[in-house]
Amino acid sequence: MPLERSPYQDPRTWKMTPAMIRARKPFFKGNMIGLAAFTGLSVGIYFYTYSFLHKDNDFSDVPIPPVSEEELAQLRKEFEQERQNRQ
C-alpha cells in the first residue's frame, strides 16, 4: 500500500481528528511566533534592499551641458519625424 492511513485523520473527510488537534495545540503559539519572526525578517530584508537600491545618485556629480535653443529645436524636429515614421 503506497500510503497508509494516518490515525490522526478522519478517513472519510481527511480532516484532523480531535486527538491531532490536541497534539498540535502546545506548539501553536511557538509556531506562530516563528512564523512572525521569519515573515518580519523577510519583509525587513526586502524593504532594506529596496530602499538601498533606490538611492541611485551615481550621476549626481556629472554636470549637464547646456543645450542651445537651436539644438533643442533640431532635437524636437527629429523626435517628431521619428514618431510620425513609426505611425
N, C-alpha and C. Protein backbone atom coordinates (compact mmCIF):
# COMPACT_ATOMS: atom_id res chain seq x y z
N MET A 1 0.84 -1.17 0.00
CA MET A 1 0.00 0.00 0.00
C MET A 1 0.90 1.25 0.00
N PRO A 2 0.76 2.15 -0.97
CA PRO A 2 1.65 3.31 -1.06
C PRO A 2 1.47 4.29 0.09
N LEU A 3 0.26 4.58 0.45
CA LEU A 3 0.02 5.49 1.57
C LEU A 3 -0.86 4.81 2.60
N GLU A 4 -0.35 4.77 3.81
CA GLU A 4 -1.16 4.20 4.88
C GLU A 4 -1.97 5.30 5.53
N ARG A 5 -3.13 4.95 6.00
CA ARG A 5 -3.98 5.94 6.64
C ARG A 5 -3.39 6.36 7.97
N SER A 6 -3.44 7.64 8.22
CA SER A 6 -2.96 8.16 9.49
C SER A 6 -4.07 8.04 10.53
N PRO A 7 -3.71 7.67 11.74
CA PRO A 7 -4.75 7.59 12.78
C PRO A 7 -5.21 8.99 13.22
N TYR A 8 -4.54 10.02 12.77
CA TYR A 8 -4.89 11.37 13.17
C TYR A 8 -5.73 12.10 12.12
N GLN A 9 -6.17 11.39 11.09
CA GLN A 9 -7.05 11.98 10.09
C GLN A 9 -8.29 11.13 9.93
N ASP A 10 -9.40 11.80 9.75
CA ASP A 10 -10.66 11.10 9.51
C ASP A 10 -10.58 10.49 8.10
N PRO A 11 -10.78 9.20 7.93
CA PRO A 11 -10.61 8.57 6.62
C PRO A 11 -11.63 9.04 5.58
N ARG A 12 -12.77 9.55 6.01
CA ARG A 12 -13.78 9.99 5.04
C ARG A 12 -13.56 11.44 4.60
N THR A 13 -13.20 12.32 5.53
CA THR A 13 -13.09 13.75 5.19
C THR A 13 -11.65 14.24 5.14
N TRP A 14 -10.70 13.46 5.59
CA TRP A 14 -9.29 13.80 5.66
C TRP A 14 -9.01 15.01 6.56
N LYS A 15 -9.95 15.33 7.45
CA LYS A 15 -9.74 16.41 8.40
C LYS A 15 -9.04 15.85 9.63
N MET A 16 -8.44 16.77 10.42
CA MET A 16 -7.74 16.34 11.62
C MET A 16 -8.75 15.87 12.67
N THR A 17 -8.37 14.82 13.36
CA THR A 17 -9.21 14.32 14.44
C THR A 17 -8.97 15.16 15.68
N PRO A 18 -9.85 15.09 16.65
CA PRO A 18 -9.64 15.83 17.90
C PRO A 18 -8.30 15.47 18.58
N ALA A 19 -7.85 14.24 18.42
CA ALA A 19 -6.56 13.84 19.01
C ALA A 19 -5.41 14.61 18.35
N MET A 20 -5.48 14.79 17.05
CA MET A 20 -4.43 15.54 16.34
C MET A 20 -4.47 17.01 16.74
N ILE A 21 -5.64 17.55 16.87
CA ILE A 21 -5.76 18.94 17.29
C ILE A 21 -5.17 19.13 18.68
N ARG A 22 -5.46 18.19 19.59
CA ARG A 22 -4.88 18.26 20.95
C ARG A 22 -3.36 18.10 20.92
N ALA A 23 -2.83 17.26 20.02
CA ALA A 23 -1.39 17.05 19.95
C ALA A 23 -0.67 18.28 19.41
N ARG A 24 -1.31 19.04 18.54
CA ARG A 24 -0.68 20.22 17.94
C ARG A 24 -0.84 21.48 18.79
N LYS A 25 -1.81 21.47 19.70
CA LYS A 25 -2.14 22.69 20.45
C LYS A 25 -0.96 23.28 21.22
N PRO A 26 -0.11 22.52 21.89
CA PRO A 26 1.00 23.14 22.64
C PRO A 26 2.03 23.83 21.75
N PHE A 27 2.10 23.47 20.48
CA PHE A 27 3.10 24.04 19.58
C PHE A 27 2.58 25.22 18.76
N PHE A 28 1.28 25.50 18.86
CA PHE A 28 0.68 26.52 18.01
C PHE A 28 1.29 27.90 18.26
N LYS A 29 1.41 28.29 19.53
CA LYS A 29 1.92 29.63 19.84
C LYS A 29 3.37 29.79 19.39
N GLY A 30 4.18 28.79 19.64
CA GLY A 30 5.58 28.85 19.20
C GLY A 30 5.71 28.90 17.69
N ASN A 31 4.86 28.13 17.00
CA ASN A 31 4.89 28.15 15.54
C ASN A 31 4.48 29.52 15.00
N MET A 32 3.49 30.14 15.61
CA MET A 32 3.05 31.47 15.16
C MET A 32 4.12 32.53 15.43
N ILE A 33 4.82 32.41 16.56
CA ILE A 33 5.92 33.34 16.85
C ILE A 33 7.04 33.15 15.83
N GLY A 34 7.37 31.91 15.50
CA GLY A 34 8.38 31.64 14.49
C GLY A 34 7.97 32.15 13.12
N LEU A 35 6.70 31.97 12.77
CA LEU A 35 6.19 32.48 11.50
C LEU A 35 6.30 34.00 11.45
N ALA A 36 5.92 34.67 12.53
CA ALA A 36 6.01 36.13 12.57
C ALA A 36 7.46 36.59 12.47
N ALA A 37 8.38 35.88 13.14
CA ALA A 37 9.80 36.26 13.09
C ALA A 37 10.37 36.10 11.68
N PHE A 38 10.09 34.97 11.04
CA PHE A 38 10.60 34.75 9.69
C PHE A 38 9.97 35.71 8.68
N THR A 39 8.67 35.97 8.85
CA THR A 39 8.00 36.91 7.95
C THR A 39 8.55 38.32 8.15
N GLY A 40 8.73 38.71 9.41
CA GLY A 40 9.29 40.04 9.69
C GLY A 40 10.70 40.18 9.15
N LEU A 41 11.50 39.15 9.31
CA LEU A 41 12.87 39.19 8.79
C LEU A 41 12.86 39.31 7.27
N SER A 42 12.04 38.53 6.61
CA SER A 42 11.97 38.57 5.14
C SER A 42 11.50 39.94 4.66
N VAL A 43 10.46 40.47 5.26
CA VAL A 43 9.94 41.78 4.85
C VAL A 43 10.96 42.87 5.15
N GLY A 44 11.64 42.77 6.30
CA GLY A 44 12.67 43.75 6.64
C GLY A 44 13.81 43.75 5.65
N ILE A 45 14.28 42.58 5.28
CA ILE A 45 15.36 42.48 4.29
C ILE A 45 14.90 43.02 2.95
N TYR A 46 13.67 42.72 2.56
CA TYR A 46 13.15 43.21 1.29
C TYR A 46 13.12 44.74 1.28
N PHE A 47 12.55 45.36 2.32
CA PHE A 47 12.44 46.82 2.32
C PHE A 47 13.79 47.50 2.48
N TYR A 48 14.71 46.89 3.23
CA TYR A 48 16.06 47.46 3.33
C TYR A 48 16.73 47.46 1.96
N THR A 49 16.62 46.34 1.25
CA THR A 49 17.22 46.24 -0.08
C THR A 49 16.56 47.21 -1.04
N TYR A 50 15.23 47.31 -0.98
CA TYR A 50 14.50 48.23 -1.86
C TYR A 50 14.93 49.67 -1.61
N SER A 51 15.04 50.06 -0.35
CA SER A 51 15.43 51.45 -0.05
C SER A 51 16.90 51.69 -0.41
N PHE A 52 17.75 50.69 -0.24
CA PHE A 52 19.16 50.84 -0.57
C PHE A 52 19.36 51.00 -2.08
N LEU A 53 18.62 50.23 -2.86
CA LEU A 53 18.80 50.27 -4.31
C LEU A 53 18.18 51.51 -4.94
N HIS A 54 17.27 52.18 -4.24
CA HIS A 54 16.66 53.37 -4.81
C HIS A 54 17.38 54.65 -4.40
N LYS A 55 18.55 54.53 -3.86
CA LYS A 55 19.39 55.69 -3.58
C LYS A 55 20.37 55.85 -4.74
N ASP A 56 19.84 55.96 -5.94
CA ASP A 56 20.65 55.97 -7.14
C ASP A 56 21.12 57.40 -7.44
N ASN A 57 22.30 57.74 -6.99
CA ASN A 57 22.88 59.05 -7.26
C ASN A 57 24.23 58.90 -7.95
N ASP A 58 24.31 57.91 -8.82
CA ASP A 58 25.58 57.64 -9.48
C ASP A 58 26.05 58.79 -10.36
N PHE A 59 25.12 59.50 -10.99
CA PHE A 59 25.49 60.55 -11.92
C PHE A 59 25.18 61.94 -11.37
N SER A 60 25.01 62.06 -10.07
CA SER A 60 24.67 63.37 -9.50
C SER A 60 25.84 64.34 -9.59
N ASP A 61 27.06 63.85 -9.68
CA ASP A 61 28.21 64.74 -9.75
C ASP A 61 28.60 65.08 -11.20
N VAL A 62 27.91 64.52 -12.19
CA VAL A 62 28.22 64.79 -13.58
C VAL A 62 27.43 66.02 -14.02
N PRO A 63 28.11 67.05 -14.48
CA PRO A 63 27.38 68.25 -14.91
C PRO A 63 26.66 68.03 -16.23
N ILE A 64 25.49 68.62 -16.36
CA ILE A 64 24.71 68.52 -17.59
C ILE A 64 25.08 69.72 -18.45
N PRO A 65 25.55 69.48 -19.66
CA PRO A 65 25.93 70.62 -20.51
C PRO A 65 24.70 71.40 -20.95
N PRO A 66 24.83 72.70 -21.09
CA PRO A 66 23.68 73.49 -21.53
C PRO A 66 23.37 73.19 -23.01
N VAL A 67 22.09 73.24 -23.34
CA VAL A 67 21.64 72.99 -24.70
C VAL A 67 21.09 74.30 -25.24
N SER A 68 21.58 74.68 -26.41
CA SER A 68 21.11 75.93 -27.01
C SER A 68 19.71 75.73 -27.58
N GLU A 69 19.04 76.82 -27.85
CA GLU A 69 17.68 76.76 -28.40
C GLU A 69 17.67 76.13 -29.79
N GLU A 70 18.71 76.37 -30.59
CA GLU A 70 18.76 75.78 -31.93
C GLU A 70 18.88 74.27 -31.85
N GLU A 71 19.75 73.79 -30.96
CA GLU A 71 19.91 72.34 -30.80
C GLU A 71 18.61 71.71 -30.29
N LEU A 72 17.96 72.39 -29.35
CA LEU A 72 16.71 71.88 -28.81
C LEU A 72 15.63 71.80 -29.89
N ALA A 73 15.55 72.81 -30.72
CA ALA A 73 14.58 72.80 -31.82
C ALA A 73 14.89 71.67 -32.80
N GLN A 74 16.15 71.46 -33.11
CA GLN A 74 16.54 70.38 -34.02
C GLN A 74 16.18 69.01 -33.42
N LEU A 75 16.42 68.82 -32.13
CA LEU A 75 16.09 67.55 -31.48
C LEU A 75 14.59 67.32 -31.47
N ARG A 76 13.81 68.36 -31.22
CA ARG A 76 12.35 68.22 -31.25
C ARG A 76 11.87 67.84 -32.66
N LYS A 77 12.45 68.45 -33.66
CA LYS A 77 12.08 68.16 -35.04
C LYS A 77 12.39 66.69 -35.38
N GLU A 78 13.57 66.20 -35.00
CA GLU A 78 13.93 64.80 -35.23
C GLU A 78 13.00 63.85 -34.48
N PHE A 79 12.66 64.23 -33.27
CA PHE A 79 11.75 63.39 -32.48
C PHE A 79 10.39 63.29 -33.13
N GLU A 80 9.85 64.39 -33.61
CA GLU A 80 8.55 64.38 -34.27
C GLU A 80 8.59 63.57 -35.56
N GLN A 81 9.67 63.67 -36.30
CA GLN A 81 9.80 62.88 -37.53
C GLN A 81 9.84 61.39 -37.22
N GLU A 82 10.57 61.01 -36.19
CA GLU A 82 10.64 59.59 -35.80
C GLU A 82 9.27 59.09 -35.37
N ARG A 83 8.55 59.89 -34.63
CA ARG A 83 7.24 59.47 -34.16
C ARG A 83 6.27 59.31 -35.34
N GLN A 84 6.33 60.20 -36.30
CA GLN A 84 5.45 60.09 -37.47
C GLN A 84 5.84 58.88 -38.32
N ASN A 85 7.12 58.57 -38.43
CA ASN A 85 7.56 57.40 -39.20
C ASN A 85 7.07 56.10 -38.57
N ARG A 86 6.97 56.05 -37.25
CA ARG A 86 6.53 54.83 -36.57
C ARG A 86 5.04 54.60 -36.74
N GLN A 87 4.28 55.66 -36.95
CA GLN A 87 2.83 55.50 -37.06
C GLN A 87 2.42 55.12 -38.40
